[in-house]
């Protein structure tokens, strides 16, 4: 996902890339960036609350009430 836009650019030099493939690669890039920001913010927030304890995937993905 991180190289989707670069790969489409390289493919565009050698062949004709359909518009839907460009849109799909851009949307994958945007959704992965949003997910990475969410996970980073969540790990920072949970990590500050659990000072001194190990941070686990389960505690990151747990929904708070």
N, C-alpha and C. Protein backbone atom coordinates (compact mmCIF):
# COMPACT_ATOMS: atom_id res chain seq x y z
N UNK A 1 0.79 -1.21 0.00
CA UNK A 1 0.00 0.00 0.00
C UNK A 1 0.84 1.28 0.00
N UNK A 2 2.03 1.23 0.63
CA UNK A 2 2.83 2.45 0.70
C UNK A 2 3.41 2.83 -0.67
N UNK A 3 3.57 1.85 -1.54
CA UNK A 3 4.15 2.13 -2.85
C UNK A 3 3.12 2.09 -3.98
N UNK A 4 1.84 2.09 -3.63
CA UNK A 4 0.80 1.96 -4.65
C UNK A 4 0.84 3.11 -5.65
N UNK A 5 0.98 4.33 -5.16
CA UNK A 5 0.99 5.47 -6.08
C UNK A 5 2.25 5.50 -6.93
N UNK A 6 3.39 5.11 -6.36
CA UNK A 6 4.63 5.07 -7.14
C UNK A 6 4.57 3.98 -8.20
N UNK A 7 3.97 2.85 -7.86
CA UNK A 7 3.86 1.76 -8.82
C UNK A 7 2.95 2.15 -9.98
N UNK A 8 1.85 2.81 -9.69
CA UNK A 8 0.95 3.26 -10.75
C UNK A 8 1.67 4.27 -11.65
N UNK A 9 2.46 5.15 -11.06
CA UNK A 9 3.22 6.11 -11.86
C UNK A 9 4.21 5.43 -12.79
N UNK A 10 4.89 4.41 -12.29
CA UNK A 10 5.83 3.67 -13.14
C UNK A 10 5.09 2.90 -14.23
N UNK A 11 3.96 2.30 -13.89
CA UNK A 11 3.17 1.58 -14.89
C UNK A 11 2.65 2.52 -15.97
N UNK A 12 2.35 3.76 -15.58
CA UNK A 12 1.82 4.73 -16.52
C UNK A 12 2.86 5.12 -17.57
N UNK A 13 4.13 4.99 -17.23
CA UNK A 13 5.18 5.30 -18.20
C UNK A 13 5.23 4.29 -19.33
N UNK A 14 4.89 3.03 -19.04
CA UNK A 14 5.05 1.96 -20.02
C UNK A 14 3.74 1.51 -20.66
N UNK A 15 2.64 1.63 -19.95
CA UNK A 15 1.34 1.21 -20.49
C UNK A 15 0.28 2.25 -20.14
N UNK A 16 -0.90 2.02 -20.65
CA UNK A 16 -2.03 2.89 -20.31
C UNK A 16 -2.73 2.28 -19.10
N UNK A 17 -2.82 3.05 -18.05
CA UNK A 17 -3.45 2.58 -16.81
C UNK A 17 -4.88 3.09 -16.77
N UNK A 18 -5.85 2.19 -16.58
CA UNK A 18 -7.25 2.63 -16.49
C UNK A 18 -7.48 3.55 -15.28
N UNK A 19 -8.44 4.42 -15.43
CA UNK A 19 -8.74 5.40 -14.38
C UNK A 19 -9.14 4.73 -13.08
N UNK A 20 -9.89 3.62 -13.16
CA UNK A 20 -10.35 2.97 -11.94
C UNK A 20 -9.18 2.43 -11.13
N UNK A 21 -8.11 1.99 -11.79
CA UNK A 21 -6.94 1.49 -11.06
C UNK A 21 -6.21 2.63 -10.34
N UNK A 22 -6.17 3.79 -10.95
CA UNK A 22 -5.57 4.95 -10.29
C UNK A 22 -6.39 5.34 -9.07
N UNK A 23 -7.72 5.35 -9.21
CA UNK A 23 -8.59 5.70 -8.08
C UNK A 23 -8.50 4.67 -6.95
N UNK A 24 -8.41 3.39 -7.31
CA UNK A 24 -8.28 2.36 -6.28
C UNK A 24 -6.96 2.50 -5.54
N UNK A 25 -5.88 2.76 -6.25
CA UNK A 25 -4.58 2.90 -5.58
C UNK A 25 -4.55 4.13 -4.68
N UNK A 26 -5.20 5.22 -5.11
CA UNK A 26 -5.26 6.41 -4.26
C UNK A 26 -6.10 6.16 -3.02
N UNK A 27 -7.22 5.45 -3.18
CA UNK A 27 -8.07 5.19 -2.01
C UNK A 27 -7.40 4.22 -1.04
N UNK A 28 -6.66 3.24 -1.54
CA UNK A 28 -5.90 2.34 -0.66
C UNK A 28 -4.89 3.14 0.14
N UNK A 29 -4.21 4.05 -0.52
CA UNK A 29 -3.20 4.88 0.16
C UNK A 29 -3.85 5.75 1.24
N UNK A 30 -4.98 6.34 0.94
CA UNK A 30 -5.66 7.20 1.91
C UNK A 30 -6.15 6.40 3.11
N UNK A 31 -6.79 5.24 2.86
CA UNK A 31 -7.30 4.42 3.96
C UNK A 31 -6.17 3.86 4.82
N UNK A 32 -5.06 3.49 4.22
CA UNK A 32 -3.92 3.01 5.01
C UNK A 32 -3.32 4.13 5.86
N UNK A 33 -3.27 5.34 5.33
CA UNK A 33 -2.75 6.47 6.11
C UNK A 33 -3.68 6.78 7.28
N UNK A 34 -4.99 6.76 7.05
CA UNK A 34 -5.94 7.00 8.13
C UNK A 34 -5.82 5.92 9.20
N UNK A 35 -5.70 4.67 8.77
CA UNK A 35 -5.54 3.57 9.72
C UNK A 35 -4.25 3.67 10.52
N UNK A 36 -3.17 4.09 9.87
CA UNK A 36 -1.89 4.23 10.58
C UNK A 36 -1.96 5.36 11.59
N UNK A 37 -2.60 6.48 11.24
CA UNK A 37 -2.75 7.58 12.19
C UNK A 37 -3.63 7.17 13.37
N UNK A 38 -4.71 6.43 13.09
CA UNK A 38 -5.58 5.97 14.17
C UNK A 38 -4.82 5.05 15.12
N UNK A 39 -4.07 4.09 14.56
CA UNK A 39 -3.33 3.15 15.39
C UNK A 39 -2.24 3.86 16.19
N UNK A 40 -1.58 4.83 15.60
CA UNK A 40 -0.55 5.59 16.32
C UNK A 40 -1.16 6.40 17.46
N UNK A 41 -2.27 7.05 17.20
CA UNK A 41 -2.95 7.82 18.25
C UNK A 41 -3.47 6.93 19.36
N UNK A 42 -4.01 5.80 18.97
CA UNK A 42 -4.54 4.86 19.96
C UNK A 42 -3.41 4.29 20.83
N UNK A 43 -2.29 3.93 20.20
CA UNK A 43 -1.18 3.37 20.98
C UNK A 43 -0.58 4.42 21.90
N UNK A 44 -0.54 5.67 21.48
CA UNK A 44 -0.04 6.73 22.34
C UNK A 44 -0.98 6.94 23.53
N UNK A 45 -2.27 6.99 23.27
CA UNK A 45 -3.25 7.21 24.33
C UNK A 45 -3.25 6.05 25.33
N UNK A 46 -3.30 4.82 24.83
CA UNK A 46 -3.33 3.65 25.71
C UNK A 46 -1.99 3.49 26.40
N UNK A 47 -0.90 3.79 25.70
CA UNK A 47 0.43 3.68 26.31
C UNK A 47 0.62 4.65 27.45
N UNK A 48 0.05 5.84 27.35
CA UNK A 48 0.16 6.80 28.45
C UNK A 48 -0.68 6.38 29.64
N UNK A 49 -1.82 5.74 29.38
CA UNK A 49 -2.67 5.30 30.48
C UNK A 49 -2.11 4.07 31.18
N UNK A 50 -1.36 3.26 30.45
CA UNK A 50 -0.82 2.02 31.02
C UNK A 50 0.66 2.19 31.31
N UNK A 51 1.03 3.24 31.94
CA UNK A 51 2.42 3.54 32.23
C UNK A 51 3.06 2.41 33.04
N UNK A 52 4.15 1.86 32.55
CA UNK A 52 4.88 0.81 33.25
C UNK A 52 4.46 -0.59 32.84
N UNK A 53 3.35 -0.75 32.13
CA UNK A 53 2.90 -2.07 31.68
C UNK A 53 3.20 -2.23 30.20
N UNK A 54 3.28 -3.49 29.77
CA UNK A 54 3.49 -3.76 28.35
C UNK A 54 2.22 -3.46 27.56
N UNK A 55 2.42 -2.95 26.37
CA UNK A 55 1.30 -2.63 25.49
C UNK A 55 1.07 -3.83 24.57
N UNK A 56 -0.14 -4.35 24.51
CA UNK A 56 -0.44 -5.51 23.67
C UNK A 56 -1.43 -5.11 22.57
N UNK A 57 -1.50 -5.93 21.52
CA UNK A 57 -2.44 -5.68 20.43
C UNK A 57 -3.87 -5.73 20.95
N UNK A 58 -4.14 -6.65 21.88
CA UNK A 58 -5.49 -6.77 22.42
C UNK A 58 -5.91 -5.49 23.12
N UNK A 59 -5.00 -4.89 23.89
CA UNK A 59 -5.36 -3.65 24.59
C UNK A 59 -5.51 -2.48 23.62
N UNK A 60 -4.79 -2.51 22.50
CA UNK A 60 -4.95 -1.45 21.51
C UNK A 60 -6.29 -1.52 20.79
N UNK A 61 -6.73 -2.74 20.50
CA UNK A 61 -7.94 -2.90 19.70
C UNK A 61 -9.20 -3.01 20.55
N UNK A 62 -9.07 -3.01 21.86
CA UNK A 62 -10.22 -3.09 22.75
C UNK A 62 -11.02 -1.80 22.67
N UNK A 63 -12.33 -1.94 22.60
CA UNK A 63 -13.22 -0.78 22.53
C UNK A 63 -13.50 -0.30 23.94
N UNK A 64 -13.32 1.00 24.16
CA UNK A 64 -13.58 1.56 25.48
C UNK A 64 -15.03 2.02 25.56
N UNK A 65 -15.61 1.86 26.72
CA UNK A 65 -17.00 2.29 26.93
C UNK A 65 -17.05 3.71 27.39
